[in-house]
PDB file of N, CA and C in Angstrom:
ATOM      1  N   UNK A   1     169.848  68.168  78.813  1.00  0.00           N
ATOM      2  CA  UNK A   1     168.420  68.107  78.383  1.00  0.00           C
ATOM      3  C   UNK A   1     168.396  66.527  78.000  1.00  0.00           C
ATOM      4  N   UNK A   2     167.204  66.192  78.495  1.00  0.00           N
ATOM      5  CA  UNK A   2     167.145  64.614  78.684  1.00  0.00           C
ATOM      6  C   UNK A   2     166.368  64.090  77.184  1.00  0.00           C
ATOM      7  N   UNK A   3     166.874  62.957  76.931  1.00  0.00           N
ATOM      8  CA  UNK A   3     165.887  62.654  75.289  1.00  0.00           C
ATOM      9  C   UNK A   3     165.220  61.257  75.705  1.00  0.00           C
ATOM     10  N   UNK A   4     165.147  60.646  74.577  1.00  0.00           N
ATOM     11  CA  UNK A   4     163.786  59.695  74.912  1.00  0.00           C
ATOM     12  C   UNK A   4     164.258  58.904  73.336  1.00  0.00           C
ATOM     13  N   UNK A   5     164.664  57.373  73.322  1.00  0.00           N
ATOM     14  CA  UNK A   5     164.147  56.790  71.910  1.00  0.00           C
ATOM     15  C   UNK A   5     162.825  56.643  71.718  1.00  0.00           C
ATOM     16  N   UNK A   6     162.437  57.375  70.385  1.00  0.00           N
ATOM     17  CA  UNK A   6     161.519  57.520  70.031  1.00  0.00           C
ATOM     18  C   UNK A   6     160.846  56.718  68.793  1.00  0.00           C
ATOM     19  N   UNK A   7     160.086  55.809  68.768  1.00  0.00           N
ATOM     20  CA  UNK A   7     159.810  55.073  67.191  1.00  0.00           C
ATOM     21  C   UNK A   7     159.257  56.097  65.921  1.00  0.00           C
ATOM     22  N   UNK A   8     159.109  55.754  64.890  1.00  0.00           N
ATOM     23  CA  UNK A   8     158.452  56.534  63.864  1.00  0.00           C
ATOM     24  C   UNK A   8     157.983  55.471  63.182  1.00  0.00           C
ATOM     25  N   UNK A   9     156.877  55.694  62.732  1.00  0.00           N
ATOM     26  CA  UNK A   9     155.816  54.729  61.824  1.00  0.00           C
ATOM     27  C   UNK A   9     155.377  55.416  60.701  1.00  0.00           C
ATOM     28  N   UNK A  10     155.293  54.861  59.464  1.00  0.00           N
ATOM     29  CA  UNK A  10     154.997  55.504  58.353  1.00  0.00           C
ATOM     30  C   UNK A  10     155.942  56.293  57.516  1.00  0.00           C
ATOM     31  N   UNK A  11     155.634  56.505  56.340  1.00  0.00           N
ATOM     32  CA  UNK A  11     156.703  57.617  55.515  1.00  0.00           C
ATOM     33  C   UNK A  11     158.173  57.085  55.300  1.00  0.00           C
ATOM     34  N   UNK A  12     158.876  58.059  55.123  1.00  0.00           N
ATOM     35  CA  UNK A  12     160.210  57.617  55.046  1.00  0.00           C
ATOM     36  C   UNK A  12     161.083  57.136  56.349  1.00  0.00           C
ATOM     37  N   UNK A  13     160.898  57.581  57.196  1.00  0.00           N
ATOM     38  CA  UNK A  13     161.180  57.276  58.494  1.00  0.00           C
ATOM     39  C   UNK A  13     160.983  56.049  59.423  1.00  0.00           C
ATOM     40  N   UNK A  14     159.876  55.259  58.403  1.00  0.00           N
ATOM     41  CA  UNK A  14     159.335  54.054  59.053  1.00  0.00           C
ATOM     42  C   UNK A  14     160.369  53.053  59.511  1.00  0.00           C
ATOM     43  N   UNK A  15     160.193  52.793  60.551  1.00  0.00           N
ATOM     44  CA  UNK A  15     161.020  51.425  61.548  1.00  0.00           C
ATOM     45  C   UNK A  15     162.470  52.213  62.140  1.00  0.00           C
ATOM     46  N   UNK A  16     162.543  53.470  62.114  1.00  0.00           N
ATOM     47  CA  UNK A  16     163.611  54.053  62.600  1.00  0.00           C
ATOM     48  C   UNK A  16     163.255  54.533  64.431  1.00  0.00           C
ATOM     49  N   UNK A  17     164.033  54.588  64.972  1.00  0.00           N
ATOM     50  CA  UNK A  17     164.082  55.077  66.300  1.00  0.00           C
ATOM     51  C   UNK A  17     165.392  56.312  66.628  1.00  0.00           C
ATOM     52  N   UNK A  18     164.639  57.247  66.914  1.00  0.00           N
ATOM     53  CA  UNK A  18     165.441  58.345  67.024  1.00  0.00           C
ATOM     54  C   UNK A  18     165.626  59.015  68.377  1.00  0.00           C
ATOM     55  N   UNK A  19     166.512  59.702  68.813  1.00  0.00           N
ATOM     56  CA  UNK A  19     166.549  60.221  70.193  1.00  0.00           C
ATOM     57  C   UNK A  19     165.737  61.561  69.950  1.00  0.00           C
ATOM     58  N   UNK A  20     164.549  61.674  70.800  1.00  0.00           N
ATOM     59  CA  UNK A  20     163.957  63.044  70.957  1.00  0.00           C
ATOM     60  C   UNK A  20     164.089  63.755  72.012  1.00  0.00           C
ATOM     61  N   UNK A  21     164.393  65.033  72.254  1.00  0.00           N
ATOM     62  CA  UNK A  21     164.579  65.887  73.020  1.00  0.00           C
ATOM     63  C   UNK A  21     163.171  65.821  73.691  1.00  0.00           C
ATOM     64  N   UNK A  22     163.284  65.677  75.237  1.00  0.00           N
ATOM     65  CA  UNK A  22     161.870  66.023  76.117  1.00  0.00           C
ATOM     66  C   UNK A  22     161.674  67.470  76.428  1.00  0.00           C
ATOM     67  N   UNK A  23     160.404  67.727  76.499  1.00  0.00           N
ATOM     68  CA  UNK A  23     160.222  69.292  76.892  1.00  0.00           C
ATOM     69  C   UNK A  23     159.981  69.240  78.485  1.00  0.00           C
ATOM     70  N   UNK A  24     159.781  70.278  79.000  1.00  0.00           N
ATOM     71  CA  UNK A  24     159.956  70.453  80.437  1.00  0.00           C
ATOM     72  C   UNK A  24     158.927  69.633  81.253  1.00  0.00           C
ATOM     73  N   UNK A  25     157.714  69.022  80.724  1.00  0.00           N
ATOM     74  CA  UNK A  25     157.040  68.243  81.297  1.00  0.00           C
ATOM     75  C   UNK A  25     157.325  66.870  81.128  1.00  0.00           C
ATOM     76  N   UNK A  26     158.114  66.576  80.286  1.00  0.00           N
ATOM     77  CA  UNK A  26     158.763  64.944  80.342  1.00  0.00           C
ATOM     78  C   UNK A  26     158.391  64.458  78.957  1.00  0.00           C
ATOM     79  N   UNK A  27     157.590  65.287  78.294  1.00  0.00           N
ATOM     80  CA  UNK A  27     156.701  64.559  76.876  1.00  0.00           C
ATOM     81  C   UNK A  27     157.489  65.181  75.805  1.00  0.00           C
ATOM     82  N   UNK A  28     157.720  64.233  74.850  1.00  0.00           N
ATOM     83  CA  UNK A  28     158.267  64.890  73.470  1.00  0.00           C
ATOM     84  C   UNK A  28     157.325  65.558  72.637  1.00  0.00           C
ATOM     85  N   UNK A  29     157.731  66.683  71.631  1.00  0.00           N
ATOM     86  CA  UNK A  29     156.967  67.738  71.023  1.00  0.00           C
ATOM     87  C   UNK A  29     155.711  66.873  70.390  1.00  0.00           C
ATOM     88  N   UNK A  30     154.535  67.743  70.287  1.00  0.00           N
ATOM     89  CA  UNK A  30     153.352  66.959  69.632  1.00  0.00           C
ATOM     90  C   UNK A  30     153.503  66.642  68.436  1.00  0.00           C
ATOM     91  N   UNK A  31     154.067  67.785  67.387  1.00  0.00           N
ATOM     92  CA  UNK A  31     154.348  67.502  66.426  1.00  0.00           C
ATOM     93  C   UNK A  31     155.951  67.714  65.941  1.00  0.00           C
ATOM     94  N   UNK A  32     156.386  66.675  65.015  1.00  0.00           N
ATOM     95  CA  UNK A  32     158.135  66.578  64.988  1.00  0.00           C
ATOM     96  C   UNK A  32     158.180  66.993  63.271  1.00  0.00           C
ATOM     97  N   UNK A  33     158.597  68.010  63.094  1.00  0.00           N
ATOM     98  CA  UNK A  33     158.982  68.161  61.658  1.00  0.00           C
ATOM     99  C   UNK A  33     160.602  68.026  61.069  1.00  0.00           C
ATOM    100  N   UNK A  34     160.572  67.026  60.145  1.00  0.00           N
ATOM    101  CA  UNK A  34     161.949  66.861  59.473  1.00  0.00           C
ATOM    102  C   UNK A  34     162.093  67.447  58.146  1.00  0.00           C
ATOM    103  N   UNK A  35     163.027  68.350  58.254  1.00  0.00           N
ATOM    104  CA  UNK A  35     163.160  69.157  56.846  1.00  0.00           C
ATOM    105  C   UNK A  35     164.023  68.121  56.236  1.00  0.00           C
ATOM    106  N   UNK A  36     163.784  67.958  55.172  1.00  0.00           N
ATOM    107  CA  UNK A  36     164.564  67.084  54.005  1.00  0.00           C
ATOM    108  C   UNK A  36     165.116  67.914  52.728  1.00  0.00           C
ATOM    109  N   UNK A  37     166.333  68.263  52.592  1.00  0.00           N
ATOM    110  CA  UNK A  37     167.080  69.031  51.659  1.00  0.00           C
ATOM    111  C   UNK A  37     166.258  68.508  50.244  1.00  0.00           C
ATOM    112  N   UNK A  38     166.372  69.455  49.120  1.00  0.00           N
ATOM    113  CA  UNK A  38     166.195  69.014  47.651  1.00  0.00           C
ATOM    114  C   UNK A  38     167.252  69.067  47.271  1.00  0.00           C
ATOM    115  N   UNK A  39     167.513  67.793  46.348  1.00  0.00           N
ATOM    116  CA  UNK A  39     169.006  67.369  45.308  1.00  0.00           C
ATOM    117  C   UNK A  39     169.042  68.576  44.700  1.00  0.00           C
ATOM    118  N   UNK A  40     168.012  69.432  43.896  1.00  0.00           N
ATOM    119  CA  UNK A  40     168.268  70.155  42.633  1.00  0.00           C
ATOM    120  C   UNK A  40     168.548  71.807  43.714  1.00  0.00           C
ATOM    121  N   UNK A  41     168.596  71.485  44.884  1.00  0.00           N
ATOM    122  CA  UNK A  41     168.890  73.109  45.466  1.00  0.00           C
ATOM    123  C   UNK A  41     167.629  73.883  45.907  1.00  0.00           C
ATOM    124  N   UNK A  42     166.685  73.318  45.658  1.00  0.00           N
ATOM    125  CA  UNK A  42     165.486  74.098  45.967  1.00  0.00           C
ATOM    126  C   UNK A  42     164.804  74.414  47.211  1.00  0.00           C
ATOM    127  N   UNK A  43     163.864  74.720  47.742  1.00  0.00           N
ATOM    128  CA  UNK A  43     163.140  74.679  48.907  1.00  0.00           C
ATOM    129  C   UNK A  43     163.485  72.998  49.854  1.00  0.00           C
ATOM    130  N   UNK A  44     163.578  73.048  51.081  1.00  0.00           N
ATOM    131  CA  UNK A  44     163.528  71.898  51.328  1.00  0.00           C
ATOM    132  C   UNK A  44     161.952  71.491  51.749  1.00  0.00           C
ATOM    133  N   UNK A  45     161.735  69.907  51.403  1.00  0.00           N
ATOM    134  CA  UNK A  45     160.606  69.066  51.818  1.00  0.00           C
ATOM    135  C   UNK A  45     160.465  69.083  53.353  1.00  0.00           C
ATOM    136  N   UNK A  46     159.325  69.059  53.747  1.00  0.00           N
ATOM    137  CA  UNK A  46     159.123  68.993  55.383  1.00  0.00           C
ATOM    138  C   UNK A  46     158.254  67.976  55.834  1.00  0.00           C
ATOM    139  N   UNK A  47     159.044  66.859  56.034  1.00  0.00           N
ATOM    140  CA  UNK A  47     158.162  65.843  56.657  1.00  0.00           C
ATOM    141  C   UNK A  47     157.425  66.058  57.859  1.00  0.00           C
ATOM    142  N   UNK A  48     156.249  65.736  57.851  1.00  0.00           N
ATOM    143  CA  UNK A  48     155.706  65.941  59.450  1.00  0.00           C
ATOM    144  C   UNK A  48     154.895  64.871  59.975  1.00  0.00           C
ATOM    145  N   UNK A  49     155.513  64.602  61.563  1.00  0.00           N
ATOM    146  CA  UNK A  49     155.071  63.387  62.074  1.00  0.00           C
ATOM    147  C   UNK A  49     154.442  63.793  63.648  1.00  0.00           C
ATOM    148  N   UNK A  50     153.465  63.124  63.874  1.00  0.00           N
ATOM    149  CA  UNK A  50     152.356  63.390  64.720  1.00  0.00           C
ATOM    150  C   UNK A  50     152.739  62.286  66.166  1.00  0.00           C
ATOM    151  N   UNK A  51     152.466  62.715  67.158  1.00  0.00           N
ATOM    152  CA  UNK A  51     152.897  62.198  68.369  1.00  0.00           C
ATOM    153  C   UNK A  51     151.662  61.359  68.869  1.00  0.00           C
ATOM    154  N   UNK A  52     151.680  60.048  68.993  1.00  0.00           N
ATOM    155  CA  UNK A  52     150.643  59.048  69.672  1.00  0.00           C
ATOM    156  C   UNK A  52     150.815  58.479  70.687  1.00  0.00           C
ATOM    157  N   UNK A  53     149.819  57.936  71.166  1.00  0.00           N
ATOM    158  CA  UNK A  53     150.438  56.747  72.496  1.00  0.00           C
ATOM    159  C   UNK A  53     150.979  55.684  72.108  1.00  0.00           C
ATOM    160  N   UNK A  54     152.019  54.816  72.390  1.00  0.00           N
ATOM    161  CA  UNK A  54     152.314  53.766  71.920  1.00  0.00           C
ATOM    162  C   UNK A  54     151.481  52.795  72.028  1.00  0.00           C
ATOM    163  N   UNK A  55     151.372  52.575  73.480  1.00  0.00           N
ATOM    164  CA  UNK A  55     150.625  51.365  73.632  1.00  0.00           C
ATOM    165  C   UNK A  55     149.939  51.661  75.106  1.00  0.00           C
ATOM    166  N   UNK A  56     149.168  51.009  75.824  1.00  0.00           N
ATOM    167  CA  UNK A  56     148.690  50.611  77.153  1.00  0.00           C
ATOM    168  C   UNK A  56     148.679  49.467  77.897  1.00  0.00           C
ATOM    169  N   UNK A  57     148.794  49.335  79.186  1.00  0.00           N
ATOM    170  CA  UNK A  57     149.221  48.206  80.002  1.00  0.00           C
ATOM    171  C   UNK A  57     147.781  47.339  79.616  1.00  0.00           C
ATOM    172  N   UNK A  58     147.792  46.024  79.703  1.00  0.00           N
ATOM    173  CA  UNK A  58     146.513  45.270  79.623  1.00  0.00           C
ATOM    174  C   UNK A  58     145.545  45.451  80.732  1.00  0.00           C
ATOM    175  N   UNK A  59     146.357  45.414  82.166  1.00  0.00           N
ATOM    176  CA  UNK A  59     145.618  45.111  83.306  1.00  0.00           C
ATOM    177  C   UNK A  59     144.915  46.611  83.698  1.00  0.00           C
ATOM    178  N   UNK A  60     145.515  47.466  83.618  1.00  0.00           N
ATOM    179  CA  UNK A  60     145.422  49.082  84.115  1.00  0.00           C
ATOM    180  C   UNK A  60     144.972  49.946  83.120  1.00  0.00           C
ATOM    181  N   UNK A  61     145.510  49.529  81.884  1.00  0.00           N
ATOM    182  CA  UNK A  61     145.483  50.568  80.736  1.00  0.00           C
ATOM    183  C   UNK A  61     146.020  52.097  80.784  1.00  0.00           C
ATOM    184  N   UNK A  62     147.258  51.910  81.337  1.00  0.00           N
ATOM    185  CA  UNK A  62     148.291  53.119  81.762  1.00  0.00           C
ATOM    186  C   UNK A  62     148.960  53.225  80.620  1.00  0.00           C
ATOM    187  N   UNK A  63     149.237  54.220  80.240  1.00  0.00           N
ATOM    188  CA  UNK A  63     150.087  54.812  79.469  1.00  0.00           C
ATOM    189  C   UNK A  63     151.584  54.276  78.963  1.00  0.00           C
ATOM    190  N   UNK A  64     151.847  53.535  77.991  1.00  0.00           N
ATOM    191  CA  UNK A  64     153.441  53.004  77.987  1.00  0.00           C
ATOM    192  C   UNK A  64     154.251  53.978  77.168  1.00  0.00           C
ATOM    193  N   UNK A  65     154.525  54.946  76.742  1.00  0.00           N
ATOM    194  CA  UNK A  65     155.093  55.960  76.104  1.00  0.00           C
ATOM    195  C   UNK A  65     154.548  56.178  74.719  1.00  0.00           C
ATOM    196  N   UNK A  66     155.130  56.894  73.835  1.00  0.00           N
ATOM    197  CA  UNK A  66     155.024  57.578  72.848  1.00  0.00           C
ATOM    198  C   UNK A  66     155.395  57.183  71.579  1.00  0.00           C
ATOM    199  N   UNK A  67     155.021  57.295  70.362  1.00  0.00           N
ATOM    200  CA  UNK A  67     155.407  57.060  69.315  1.00  0.00           C
ATOM    201  C   UNK A  67     154.977  58.048  68.309  1.00  0.00           C
ATOM    202  N   UNK A  68     155.829  58.180  66.728  1.00  0.00           N
ATOM    203  CA  UNK A  68     155.474  59.034  65.914  1.00  0.00           C
ATOM    204  C   UNK A  68     154.893  58.736  64.791  1.00  0.00           C
ATOM    205  N   UNK A  69     153.617  59.050  64.092  1.00  0.00           N
ATOM    206  CA  UNK A  69     153.091  58.406  62.834  1.00  0.00           C
ATOM    207  C   UNK A  69     153.217  59.567  62.077  1.00  0.00           C
ATOM    208  N   UNK A  70     153.378  59.158  60.493  1.00  0.00           N
ATOM    209  CA  UNK A  70     153.427  60.091  59.629  1.00  0.00           C
ATOM    210  C   UNK A  70     152.017  60.901  59.322  1.00  0.00           C
ATOM    211  N   UNK A  71     152.195  62.048  58.796  1.00  0.00           N
ATOM    212  CA  UNK A  71     151.068  62.818  58.422  1.00  0.00           C
ATOM    213  C   UNK A  71     151.270  63.252  57.186  1.00  0.00           C
ATOM    214  N   UNK A  72     150.748  62.642  55.965  1.00  0.00           N
ATOM    215  CA  UNK A  72     151.232  62.655  54.870  1.00  0.00           C
ATOM    216  C   UNK A  72     150.584  64.324  54.212  1.00  0.00           C
ATOM    217  N   UNK A  73     149.441  64.525  54.958  1.00  0.00           N
ATOM    218  CA  UNK A  73     149.028  65.914  54.417  1.00  0.00           C
ATOM    219  C   UNK A  73     149.822  67.326  54.995  1.00  0.00           C
ATOM    220  N   UNK A  74     150.571  66.976  55.865  1.00  0.00           N
ATOM    221  CA  UNK A  74     151.286  68.196  56.686  1.00  0.00           C
ATOM    222  C   UNK A  74     150.545  69.044  57.354  1.00  0.00           C
ATOM    223  N   UNK A  75     149.480  69.056  57.884  1.00  0.00           N
ATOM    224  CA  UNK A  75     148.602  69.843  58.453  1.00  0.00           C
ATOM    225  C   UNK A  75     149.555  70.616  59.424  1.00  0.00           C
ATOM    226  N   UNK A  76     149.312  72.044  59.736  1.00  0.00           N
ATOM    227  CA  UNK A  76     149.689  72.567  60.368  1.00  0.00           C
ATOM    228  C   UNK A  76     148.921  72.270  61.789  1.00  0.00           C
ATOM    229  N   UNK A  77     149.680  71.976  62.785  1.00  0.00           N
ATOM    230  CA  UNK A  77     149.014  71.417  63.933  1.00  0.00           C
ATOM    231  C   UNK A  77     149.331  71.886  65.464  1.00  0.00           C
ATOM    232  N   UNK A  78     150.380  73.106  65.366  1.00  0.00           N
ATOM    233  CA  UNK A  78     150.581  73.516  66.459  1.00  0.00           C
ATOM    234  C   UNK A  78     149.586  74.633  67.221  1.00  0.00           C
ATOM    235  N   UNK A  79     148.430  74.855  66.925  1.00  0.00           N
ATOM    236  CA  UNK A  79     147.841  75.948  67.134  1.00  0.00           C
ATOM    237  C   UNK A  79     147.148  75.555  68.214  1.00  0.00           C
ATOM    238  N   UNK A  80     146.817  76.558  69.245  1.00  0.00           N
ATOM    239  CA  UNK A  80     145.904  76.281  70.494  1.00  0.00           C
ATOM    240  C   UNK A  80     144.517  76.400  69.746  1.00  0.00           C
ATOM    241  N   UNK A  81     143.460  75.632  70.750  1.00  0.00           N
ATOM    242  CA  UNK A  81     142.364  75.383  70.562  1.00  0.00           C
ATOM    243  C   UNK A  81     141.168  75.698  71.373  1.00  0.00           C
ATOM    244  N   UNK A  82     141.053  76.937  71.277  1.00  0.00           N
ATOM    245  CA  UNK A  82     140.220  77.748  72.365  1.00  0.00           C
ATOM    246  C   UNK A  82     138.904  77.289  72.085  1.00  0.00           C
ATOM    247  N   UNK A  83     137.963  77.312  73.157  1.00  0.00           N
ATOM    248  CA  UNK A  83     136.568  77.155  72.995  1.00  0.00           C
ATOM    249  C   UNK A  83     135.814  78.080  72.048  1.00  0.00           C
ATOM    250  N   UNK A  84     136.396  79.501  72.218  1.00  0.00           N
ATOM    251  CA  UNK A  84     135.487  80.498  71.393  1.00  0.00           C
ATOM    252  C   UNK A  84     136.239  80.344  69.733  1.00  0.00           C
ATOM    253  N   UNK A  85     137.311  79.972  69.553  1.00  0.00           N
ATOM    254  CA  UNK A  85     137.501  79.536  68.261  1.00  0.00           C
ATOM    255  C   UNK A  85     136.796  79.004  67.002  1.00  0.00           C
ATOM    256  N   UNK A  86     136.676  79.492  66.058  1.00  0.00           N
ATOM    257  CA  UNK A  86     136.027  78.920  64.875  1.00  0.00           C
ATOM    258  C   UNK A  86     136.494  77.614  64.272  1.00  0.00           C
ATOM    259  N   UNK A  87     135.745  76.489  64.200  1.00  0.00           N
ATOM    260  CA  UNK A  87     136.224  75.318  63.992  1.00  0.00           C
ATOM    261  C   UNK A  87     136.913  75.499  62.257  1.00  0.00           C
ATOM    262  N   UNK A  88     137.661  74.393  62.178  1.00  0.00           N
ATOM    263  CA  UNK A  88     138.512  74.635  60.654  1.00  0.00           C
ATOM    264  C   UNK A  88     137.526  73.946  59.767  1.00  0.00           C
ATOM    265  N   UNK A  89     137.372  74.606  58.790  1.00  0.00           N
ATOM    266  CA  UNK A  89     136.897  74.099  57.357  1.00  0.00           C
ATOM    267  C   UNK A  89     137.404  72.990  56.597  1.00  0.00           C
ATOM    268  N   UNK A  90     136.601  72.451  56.092  1.00  0.00           N
ATOM    269  CA  UNK A  90     136.871  71.402  55.347  1.00  0.00           C
ATOM    270  C   UNK A  90     137.403  71.770  53.841  1.00  0.00           C
ATOM    271  N   UNK A  91     138.140  71.483  52.870  1.00  0.00           N
ATOM    272  CA  UNK A  91     138.603  72.135  51.804  1.00  0.00           C
ATOM    273  C   UNK A  91     137.144  72.154  50.748  1.00  0.00           C
ATOM    274  N   UNK A  92     136.397  71.285  50.885  1.00  0.00           N
ATOM    275  CA  UNK A  92     135.058  71.194  50.054  1.00  0.00           C
ATOM    276  C   UNK A  92     134.236  71.919  50.224  1.00  0.00           C
ATOM    277  N   UNK A  93     133.969  72.756  51.703  1.00  0.00           N
ATOM    278  CA  UNK A  93     132.774  73.387  51.863  1.00  0.00           C
ATOM    279  C   UNK A  93     133.254  74.621  51.990  1.00  0.00           C
ATOM    280  N   UNK A  94     132.013  75.512  51.998  1.00  0.00           N
ATOM    281  CA  UNK A  94     132.520  76.963  52.254  1.00  0.00           C
ATOM    282  C   UNK A  94     131.932  77.220  53.662  1.00  0.00           C
ATOM    283  N   UNK A  95     132.590  78.571  54.210  1.00  0.00           N
ATOM    284  CA  UNK A  95     132.221  78.637  55.975  1.00  0.00           C
ATOM    285  C   UNK A  95     130.931  79.161  55.953  1.00  0.00           C
ATOM    286  N   UNK A  96     130.276  78.333  57.007  1.00  0.00           N
ATOM    287  CA  UNK A  96     128.788  78.934  57.253  1.00  0.00           C
ATOM    288  C   UNK A  96     127.908  78.207  56.619  1.00  0.00           C
ATOM    289  N   UNK A  97     128.241  76.851  56.091  1.00  0.00           N
ATOM    290  CA  UNK A  97     127.503  76.242  55.097  1.00  0.00           C
ATOM    291  C   UNK A  97     127.490  74.743  55.540  1.00  0.00           C
ATOM    292  N   UNK A  98     126.885  74.328  56.081  1.00  0.00           N
ATOM    293  CA  UNK A  98     126.772  72.729  56.432  1.00  0.00           C
ATOM    294  C   UNK A  98     127.181  71.850  55.443  1.00  0.00           C
ATOM    295  N   UNK A  99     127.668  70.464  55.525  1.00  0.00           N
ATOM    296  CA  UNK A  99     127.957  69.823  54.325  1.00  0.00           C
ATOM    297  C   UNK A  99     126.696  69.116  53.397  1.00  0.00           C
ATOM    298  N   UNK A 100     125.328  68.743  54.423  1.00  0.00           N
ATOM    299  CA  UNK A 100     124.571  68.440  53.831  1.00  0.00           C
ATOM    300  C   UNK A 100     123.648  69.315  53.528  1.00  0.00           C
ATOM    301  N   UNK A 101     124.094  70.845  53.287  1.00  0.00           N
ATOM    302  CA  UNK A 101     123.015  71.525  52.326  1.00  0.00           C
ATOM    303  C   UNK A 101     123.488  71.984  51.023  1.00  0.00           C
ATOM    304  N   UNK A 102     122.802  72.411  50.426  1.00  0.00           N
ATOM    305  CA  UNK A 102     123.533  73.126  49.275  1.00  0.00           C
ATOM    306  C   UNK A 102     123.850  74.491  49.130  1.00  0.00           C
ATOM    307  N   UNK A 103     124.590  74.939  48.353  1.00  0.00           N
ATOM    308  CA  UNK A 103     125.066  76.614  48.340  1.00  0.00           C
ATOM    309  C   UNK A 103     123.933  77.265  48.570  1.00  0.00           C
ATOM    310  N   UNK A 104     122.701  77.374  48.358  1.00  0.00           N
ATOM    311  CA  UNK A 104     121.859  78.269  48.506  1.00  0.00           C
ATOM    312  C   UNK A 104     121.231  78.314  49.740  1.00  0.00           C
ATOM    313  N   UNK A 105     121.751  77.365  50.675  1.00  0.00           N
ATOM    314  CA  UNK A 105     121.302  77.051  52.127  1.00  0.00           C
ATOM    315  C   UNK A 105     120.207  76.285  52.327  1.00  0.00           C
ATOM    316  N   UNK A 106     119.351  75.573  50.965  1.00  0.00           N
ATOM    317  CA  UNK A 106     118.454  74.876  51.627  1.00  0.00           C
ATOM    318  C   UNK A 106     119.062  72.928  51.446  1.00  0.00           C
ATOM    319  N   UNK A 107     118.148  72.611  52.398  1.00  0.00           N
ATOM    320  CA  UNK A 107     118.811  71.047  52.813  1.00  0.00           C
ATOM    321  C   UNK A 107     118.430  70.315  51.525  1.00  0.00           C
ATOM    322  N   UNK A 108     119.260  69.035  51.482  1.00  0.00           N
ATOM    323  CA  UNK A 108     118.997  68.547  50.153  1.00  0.00           C
ATOM    324  C   UNK A 108     117.763  67.520  50.043  1.00  0.00           C
ATOM    325  N   UNK A 109     117.125  67.493  51.172  1.00  0.00           N
ATOM    326  CA  UNK A 109     115.544  66.542  51.637  1.00  0.00           C
ATOM    327  C   UNK A 109     114.723  67.736  50.989  1.00  0.00           C
ATOM    328  N   UNK A 110     114.556  68.900  50.815  1.00  0.00           N
ATOM    329  CA  UNK A 110     113.607  69.849  50.677  1.00  0.00           C
ATOM    330  C   UNK A 110     113.006  69.532  49.302  1.00  0.00           C
ATOM    331  N   UNK A 111     113.867  68.772  48.388  1.00  0.00           N
ATOM    332  CA  UNK A 111     113.035  68.604  47.061  1.00  0.00           C
ATOM    333  C   UNK A 111     111.742  67.957  47.477  1.00  0.00           C
ATOM    334  N   UNK A 112     111.642  66.858  47.959  1.00  0.00           N
ATOM    335  CA  UNK A 112     110.735  65.710  48.272  1.00  0.00           C
ATOM    336  C   UNK A 112     109.508  66.027  48.485  1.00  0.00           C
TER     337      UNK A 112
END
């Protein structure tokens, strides 16, 4: 299998360059999860890193490699996004309610 030395930014692995196995397309995985064992013997903590474009060439704007950035929230990211899928809801809103409306469905501007 081929591997590529990939830099990590942010989090505990900041500044490290690790060899990452490449997939069948020649790219590293989009999400890289690193399990860190707990010193007390509890469940391991999982650090989540997301693949982002490392740089672009100045003249043509071509892609020049990958790097991983730390995702402190650790959102699950491996889901497929189909056009008919429902959008993710943010933690502060209920499904079906727009963020600029009150819970009863009225707009905040309706009071005026």
